[in-house]
PDB file of N, CA and C in Angstrom:
ATOM      1  N   MET A   1       0.812  -1.150  -0.145  1.00  0.00           N
ATOM      2  CA  MET A   1       0.028   0.070   0.191  1.00  0.00           C
ATOM      3  C   MET A   1       0.906   1.427   0.041  1.00  0.00           C
ATOM      4  N   ARG A   2       0.347   2.528  -0.509  1.00  0.00           N
ATOM      5  CA  ARG A   2       0.949   3.472  -0.572  1.00  0.00           C
ATOM      6  C   ARG A   2       0.554   4.162   1.021  1.00  0.00           C
ATOM      7  N   TYR A   3       1.273   5.234   1.237  1.00  0.00           N
ATOM      8  CA  TYR A   3       1.125   5.721   2.628  1.00  0.00           C
ATOM      9  C   TYR A   3      -0.297   6.353   2.858  1.00  0.00           C
ATOM     10  N   GLU A   4      -0.728   7.005   2.171  1.00  0.00           N
ATOM     11  CA  GLU A   4      -2.176   7.714   2.149  1.00  0.00           C
ATOM     12  C   GLU A   4      -3.225   6.170   2.530  1.00  0.00           C
ATOM     13  N   GLU A   5      -3.156   5.472   1.579  1.00  0.00           N
ATOM     14  CA  GLU A   5      -3.961   4.440   1.527  1.00  0.00           C
ATOM     15  C   GLU A   5      -3.965   3.271   2.885  1.00  0.00           C
ATOM     16  N   ALA A   6      -2.746   3.122   3.345  1.00  0.00           N
ATOM     17  CA  ALA A   6      -2.498   2.783   4.571  1.00  0.00           C
ATOM     18  C   ALA A   6      -2.956   3.572   5.534  1.00  0.00           C
ATOM     19  N   MET A   7      -2.686   4.688   5.812  1.00  0.00           N
ATOM     20  CA  MET A   7      -3.574   5.488   6.829  1.00  0.00           C
ATOM     21  C   MET A   7      -5.025   5.730   6.838  1.00  0.00           C
ATOM     22  N   LYS A   8      -5.608   5.532   5.636  1.00  0.00           N
ATOM     23  CA  LYS A   8      -6.660   5.553   5.781  1.00  0.00           C
ATOM     24  C   LYS A   8      -7.489   4.292   6.314  1.00  0.00           C
ATOM     25  N   ALA A   9      -6.700   3.158   5.639  1.00  0.00           N
ATOM     26  CA  ALA A   9      -6.976   1.467   6.239  1.00  0.00           C
ATOM     27  C   ALA A   9      -6.733   1.391   7.848  1.00  0.00           C
ATOM     28  N   LEU A  10      -5.792   2.201   8.153  1.00  0.00           N
ATOM     29  CA  LEU A  10      -5.802   2.204   9.689  1.00  0.00           C
ATOM     30  C   LEU A  10      -6.980   2.891  10.260  1.00  0.00           C
ATOM     31  N   GLU A  11      -6.957   4.106   9.953  1.00  0.00           N
ATOM     32  CA  GLU A  11      -8.074   4.742  10.575  1.00  0.00           C
ATOM     33  C   GLU A  11      -9.373   3.979  10.539  1.00  0.00           C
ATOM     34  N   LYS A  12      -9.583   3.341   9.471  1.00  0.00           N
ATOM     35  CA  LYS A  12     -11.053   2.416   9.245  1.00  0.00           C
ATOM     36  C   LYS A  12     -10.920   1.384  10.342  1.00  0.00           C
ATOM     37  N   GLN A  13      -9.657   0.712  10.516  1.00  0.00           N
ATOM     38  CA  GLN A  13      -9.600  -0.426  11.334  1.00  0.00           C
ATOM     39  C   GLN A  13      -9.860   0.252  12.914  1.00  0.00           C
ATOM     40  N   LEU A  14      -9.498   1.276  13.204  1.00  0.00           N
ATOM     41  CA  LEU A  14      -9.500   1.801  14.724  1.00  0.00           C
ATOM     42  C   LEU A  14     -10.961   2.094  14.894  1.00  0.00           C
ATOM     43  N   ASP A  15     -11.808   2.575  13.765  1.00  0.00           N
ATOM     44  CA  ASP A  15     -12.983   2.768  13.944  1.00  0.00           C
ATOM     45  C   ASP A  15     -13.904   1.612  13.893  1.00  0.00           C
ATOM     46  N   LEU A  16     -13.647   0.608  13.172  1.00  0.00           N
ATOM     47  CA  LEU A  16     -14.316  -0.548  13.127  1.00  0.00           C
ATOM     48  C   LEU A  16     -14.124  -1.209  14.986  1.00  0.00           C
ATOM     49  N   CYS A  17     -12.466  -1.081  15.243  1.00  0.00           N
ATOM     50  CA  CYS A  17     -12.659  -1.794  16.782  1.00  0.00           C
ATOM     51  C   CYS A  17     -13.268  -0.849  17.811  1.00  0.00           C
ATOM     52  N   THR A  18     -13.297   0.266  17.748  1.00  0.00           N
ATOM     53  CA  THR A  18     -14.116   1.041  18.680  1.00  0.00           C
ATOM     54  C   THR A  18     -15.753   0.760  18.597  1.00  0.00           C
ATOM     55  N   ILE A  19     -16.397   0.559  17.231  1.00  0.00           N
ATOM     56  CA  ILE A  19     -17.759   0.144  17.259  1.00  0.00           C
ATOM     57  C   ILE A  19     -18.014  -1.053  17.757  1.00  0.00           C
ATOM     58  N   TYR A  20     -17.258  -2.124  17.327  1.00  0.00           N
ATOM     59  CA  TYR A  20     -17.165  -3.560  17.887  1.00  0.00           C
ATOM     60  C   TYR A  20     -16.626  -4.051  19.379  1.00  0.00           C
ATOM     61  N   ASN A  21     -16.076  -2.850  19.628  1.00  0.00           N
ATOM     62  CA  ASN A  21     -15.501  -3.016  20.901  1.00  0.00           C
ATOM     63  C   ASN A  21     -14.306  -4.072  21.075  1.00  0.00           C
ATOM     64  N   PHE A  22     -13.605  -4.274  19.899  1.00  0.00           N
ATOM     65  CA  PHE A  22     -12.294  -4.808  20.115  1.00  0.00           C
ATOM     66  C   PHE A  22     -11.262  -4.083  21.048  1.00  0.00           C
ATOM     67  N   ARG A  23     -10.506  -4.587  21.692  1.00  0.00           N
ATOM     68  CA  ARG A  23      -9.542  -4.248  22.262  1.00  0.00           C
ATOM     69  C   ARG A  23      -8.062  -4.377  22.122  1.00  0.00           C
ATOM     70  N   GLU A  24      -7.932  -5.138  21.155  1.00  0.00           N
ATOM     71  CA  GLU A  24      -6.575  -5.679  20.506  1.00  0.00           C
ATOM     72  C   GLU A  24      -6.603  -6.082  19.117  1.00  0.00           C
ATOM     73  N   PHE A  25      -5.600  -5.638  18.360  1.00  0.00           N
ATOM     74  CA  PHE A  25      -5.095  -6.044  17.104  1.00  0.00           C
ATOM     75  C   PHE A  25      -3.857  -5.842  16.377  1.00  0.00           C
ATOM     76  N   SER A  26      -3.496  -6.280  15.347  1.00  0.00           N
ATOM     77  CA  SER A  26      -2.544  -6.119  15.108  1.00  0.00           C
ATOM     78  C   SER A  26      -2.344  -5.381  13.468  1.00  0.00           C
ATOM     79  N   VAL A  27      -1.194  -4.604  13.233  1.00  0.00           N
ATOM     80  CA  VAL A  27      -1.164  -3.999  11.868  1.00  0.00           C
ATOM     81  C   VAL A  27       0.427  -4.707  11.377  1.00  0.00           C
ATOM     82  N   ILE A  28       0.082  -5.255  10.159  1.00  0.00           N
ATOM     83  CA  ILE A  28       1.404  -5.897   9.367  1.00  0.00           C
ATOM     84  C   ILE A  28       1.555  -4.689   8.362  1.00  0.00           C
ATOM     85  N   HIS A  29       2.786  -3.730   8.672  1.00  0.00           N
ATOM     86  CA  HIS A  29       3.149  -2.853   7.859  1.00  0.00           C
ATOM     87  C   HIS A  29       4.393  -3.133   6.831  1.00  0.00           C
ATOM     88  N   GLY A  30       4.988  -3.994   7.587  1.00  0.00           N
ATOM     89  CA  GLY A  30       6.279  -4.743   6.468  1.00  0.00           C
ATOM     90  C   GLY A  30       7.564  -3.855   7.200  1.00  0.00           C
ATOM     91  N   LYS A  31       8.843  -3.941   6.713  1.00  0.00           N
ATOM     92  CA  LYS A  31       9.646  -3.162   7.059  1.00  0.00           C
ATOM     93  C   LYS A  31      10.099  -2.534   6.183  1.00  0.00           C
ATOM     94  N   GLY A  32      10.559  -3.003   4.867  1.00  0.00           N
ATOM     95  CA  GLY A  32      10.971  -1.977   3.799  1.00  0.00           C
ATOM     96  C   GLY A  32      11.686  -0.507   4.194  1.00  0.00           C
ATOM     97  N   SER A  33      11.295   0.281   3.780  1.00  0.00           N
ATOM     98  CA  SER A  33      12.172   1.245   3.794  1.00  0.00           C
ATOM     99  C   SER A  33      11.825   2.193   5.282  1.00  0.00           C
ATOM    100  N   GLY A  34      10.661   1.817   5.692  1.00  0.00           N
ATOM    101  CA  GLY A  34      10.173   2.225   7.182  1.00  0.00           C
ATOM    102  C   GLY A  34       9.180   3.488   7.045  1.00  0.00           C
ATOM    103  N   ILE A  35       8.978   3.488   6.031  1.00  0.00           N
ATOM    104  CA  ILE A  35       7.852   4.780   5.804  1.00  0.00           C
ATOM    105  C   ILE A  35       6.501   4.424   6.373  1.00  0.00           C
ATOM    106  N   LEU A  36       5.964   3.058   6.028  1.00  0.00           N
ATOM    107  CA  LEU A  36       4.513   2.908   6.651  1.00  0.00           C
ATOM    108  C   LEU A  36       4.600   2.493   8.120  1.00  0.00           C
ATOM    109  N   GLN A  37       6.019   1.815   8.614  1.00  0.00           N
ATOM    110  CA  GLN A  37       6.104   1.724   9.885  1.00  0.00           C
ATOM    111  C   GLN A  37       6.247   2.833  10.736  1.00  0.00           C
ATOM    112  N   GLN A  38       6.904   3.842  10.242  1.00  0.00           N
ATOM    113  CA  GLN A  38       7.032   5.199  11.047  1.00  0.00           C
ATOM    114  C   GLN A  38       5.511   5.835  10.904  1.00  0.00           C
ATOM    115  N   GLY A  39       4.738   5.507  10.016  1.00  0.00           N
ATOM    116  CA  GLY A  39       3.568   6.358   9.731  1.00  0.00           C
ATOM    117  C   GLY A  39       2.625   5.794  11.013  1.00  0.00           C
ATOM    118  N   VAL A  40       2.762   4.598  10.737  1.00  0.00           N
ATOM    119  CA  VAL A  40       1.749   3.890  11.696  1.00  0.00           C
ATOM    120  C   VAL A  40       2.170   4.142  13.394  1.00  0.00           C
ATOM    121  N   GLN A  41       3.218   4.167  13.623  1.00  0.00           N
ATOM    122  CA  GLN A  41       3.727   4.173  14.839  1.00  0.00           C
ATOM    123  C   GLN A  41       3.332   5.905  15.240  1.00  0.00           C
ATOM    124  N   ASN A  42       3.457   6.862  14.328  1.00  0.00           N
ATOM    125  CA  ASN A  42       3.050   8.055  14.586  1.00  0.00           C
ATOM    126  C   ASN A  42       1.609   8.278  14.542  1.00  0.00           C
ATOM    127  N   TYR A  43       0.770   7.685  13.744  1.00  0.00           N
ATOM    128  CA  TYR A  43      -0.657   7.830  13.840  1.00  0.00           C
ATOM    129  C   TYR A  43      -1.036   7.151  15.363  1.00  0.00           C
ATOM    130  N   LEU A  44      -0.805   5.923  15.649  1.00  0.00           N
ATOM    131  CA  LEU A  44      -1.208   5.461  16.891  1.00  0.00           C
ATOM    132  C   LEU A  44      -0.912   6.470  17.819  1.00  0.00           C
ATOM    133  N   SER A  45       0.185   7.031  17.790  1.00  0.00           N
ATOM    134  CA  SER A  45       0.636   7.764  19.267  1.00  0.00           C
ATOM    135  C   SER A  45      -0.086   8.965  19.362  1.00  0.00           C
ATOM    136  N   HIS A  46      -0.899   9.489  18.216  1.00  0.00           N
ATOM    137  CA  HIS A  46      -1.811  10.537  18.305  1.00  0.00           C
ATOM    138  C   HIS A  46      -3.165  10.310  18.603  1.00  0.00           C
ATOM    139  N   TYR A  47      -3.563   8.939  18.493  1.00  0.00           N
ATOM    140  CA  TYR A  47      -5.053   8.534  18.435  1.00  0.00           C
ATOM    141  C   TYR A  47      -5.478   8.313  19.813  1.00  0.00           C
ATOM    142  N   PRO A  48      -6.693   9.161  20.449  1.00  0.00           N
ATOM    143  CA  PRO A  48      -6.723   9.247  21.705  1.00  0.00           C
ATOM    144  C   PRO A  48      -7.227   7.586  22.315  1.00  0.00           C
ATOM    145  N   GLY A  49      -7.602   6.707  21.608  1.00  0.00           N
ATOM    146  CA  GLY A  49      -8.073   5.370  22.023  1.00  0.00           C
ATOM    147  C   GLY A  49      -7.012   4.400  22.219  1.00  0.00           C
ATOM    148  N   VAL A  50      -5.801   4.822  21.826  1.00  0.00           N
ATOM    149  CA  VAL A  50      -4.636   3.748  21.876  1.00  0.00           C
ATOM    150  C   VAL A  50      -4.336   3.781  23.439  1.00  0.00           C
ATOM    151  N   LYS A  51      -4.147   2.577  23.942  1.00  0.00           N
ATOM    152  CA  LYS A  51      -3.588   2.503  25.146  1.00  0.00           C
ATOM    153  C   LYS A  51      -2.156   2.073  25.172  1.00  0.00           C
ATOM    154  N   GLU A  52      -1.569   1.285  24.086  1.00  0.00           N
ATOM    155  CA  GLU A  52      -0.147   1.090  24.108  1.00  0.00           C
ATOM    156  C   GLU A  52      -0.127   0.519  22.586  1.00  0.00           C
ATOM    157  N   PHE A  53       0.990   0.310  21.884  1.00  0.00           N
ATOM    158  CA  PHE A  53       1.370  -0.403  20.809  1.00  0.00           C
ATOM    159  C   PHE A  53       2.864  -0.544  21.076  1.00  0.00           C
ATOM    160  N   HIS A  54       3.101  -1.678  20.147  1.00  0.00           N
ATOM    161  CA  HIS A  54       4.697  -2.566  20.338  1.00  0.00           C
ATOM    162  C   HIS A  54       4.975  -3.324  18.975  1.00  0.00           C
ATOM    163  N   PHE A  55       6.327  -3.424  18.774  1.00  0.00           N
ATOM    164  CA  PHE A  55       6.451  -4.137  17.727  1.00  0.00           C
ATOM    165  C   PHE A  55       6.243  -5.798  18.401  1.00  0.00           C
ATOM    166  N   ALA A  56       6.018  -6.695  17.212  1.00  0.00           N
ATOM    167  CA  ALA A  56       6.008  -8.120  17.510  1.00  0.00           C
ATOM    168  C   ALA A  56       7.342  -8.594  17.940  1.00  0.00           C
ATOM    169  N   GLN A  57       6.965  -9.746  18.767  1.00  0.00           N
ATOM    170  CA  GLN A  57       8.336 -10.682  19.106  1.00  0.00           C
ATOM    171  C   GLN A  57       9.057 -11.089  17.356  1.00  0.00           C
ATOM    172  N   PRO A  58      10.371 -11.311  17.480  1.00  0.00           N
ATOM    173  CA  PRO A  58      11.081 -11.589  16.204  1.00  0.00           C
ATOM    174  C   PRO A  58      10.374 -12.610  15.480  1.00  0.00           C
ATOM    175  N   GLU A  59       9.973 -13.723  16.317  1.00  0.00           N
ATOM    176  CA  GLU A  59       9.451 -14.795  15.727  1.00  0.00           C
ATOM    177  C   GLU A  59       7.917 -14.739  15.019  1.00  0.00           C
ATOM    178  N   ASP A  60       7.311 -13.611  15.411  1.00  0.00           N
ATOM    179  CA  ASP A  60       5.877 -13.262  14.931  1.00  0.00           C
ATOM    180  C   ASP A  60       5.908 -12.068  13.840  1.00  0.00           C
ATOM    181  N   GLY A  61       7.030 -11.598  13.199  1.00  0.00           N
ATOM    182  CA  GLY A  61       7.280 -10.556  12.563  1.00  0.00           C
ATOM    183  C   GLY A  61       7.964  -9.360  13.013  1.00  0.00           C
ATOM    184  N   GLY A  62       8.450  -9.309  14.006  1.00  0.00           N
ATOM    185  CA  GLY A  62       9.460  -8.053  14.853  1.00  0.00           C
ATOM    186  C   GLY A  62       8.678  -6.729  14.451  1.00  0.00           C
ATOM    187  N   SER A  63       9.862  -6.156  13.638  1.00  0.00           N
ATOM    188  CA  SER A  63       9.400  -4.848  13.428  1.00  0.00           C
ATOM    189  C   SER A  63       8.661  -4.430  12.261  1.00  0.00           C
ATOM    190  N   GLY A  64       8.199  -5.680  11.634  1.00  0.00           N
ATOM    191  CA  GLY A  64       7.424  -5.634  10.534  1.00  0.00           C
ATOM    192  C   GLY A  64       6.001  -5.705  10.833  1.00  0.00           C
ATOM    193  N   LYS A  65       5.664  -5.900  12.394  1.00  0.00           N
ATOM    194  CA  LYS A  65       4.150  -5.997  12.958  1.00  0.00           C
ATOM    195  C   LYS A  65       4.266  -5.240  13.794  1.00  0.00           C
ATOM    196  N   THR A  66       3.001  -4.475  14.247  1.00  0.00           N
ATOM    197  CA  THR A  66       2.708  -3.653  15.572  1.00  0.00           C
ATOM    198  C   THR A  66       1.493  -4.243  16.168  1.00  0.00           C
ATOM    199  N   TYR A  67       1.616  -4.516  17.202  1.00  0.00           N
ATOM    200  CA  TYR A  67       0.554  -4.846  18.173  1.00  0.00           C
ATOM    201  C   TYR A  67      -0.044  -3.587  18.937  1.00  0.00           C
ATOM    202  N   VAL A  68      -1.203  -3.927  18.655  1.00  0.00           N
ATOM    203  CA  VAL A  68      -2.114  -2.245  19.397  1.00  0.00           C
ATOM    204  C   VAL A  68      -3.090  -2.868  20.332  1.00  0.00           C
ATOM    205  N   SER A  69      -3.041  -2.249  21.729  1.00  0.00           N
ATOM    206  CA  SER A  69      -3.930  -2.359  22.231  1.00  0.00           C
ATOM    207  C   SER A  69      -4.731  -1.120  22.646  1.00  0.00           C
ATOM    208  N   LEU A  70      -6.010  -1.192  22.714  1.00  0.00           N
ATOM    209  CA  LEU A  70      -7.329  -0.048  22.847  1.00  0.00           C
ATOM    210  C   LEU A  70      -7.843   0.147  24.362  1.00  0.00           C
ATOM    211  N   TYR A  71      -8.232   1.092  24.610  1.00  0.00           N
ATOM    212  CA  TYR A  71      -9.024   1.368  25.996  1.00  0.00           C
ATOM    213  C   TYR A  71     -10.393   0.746  26.231  1.00  0.00           C
TER     214      TYR A  71
END
């Protein structure tokens, strides 16, 4: 995905999780050049419903995957 498309998809995922009361999900953004990874981290750090987020363990995707916990 391109950056703008990925951020819209992330926003939609966060909205759906809020509507359906999901408290955890993961984002697979890949490692690549780090643009999507950085964009996801930045977006999540400013989203008011996010409790915490962190990269997956190396055996589960490492820095190519982010786990998200919501309030």
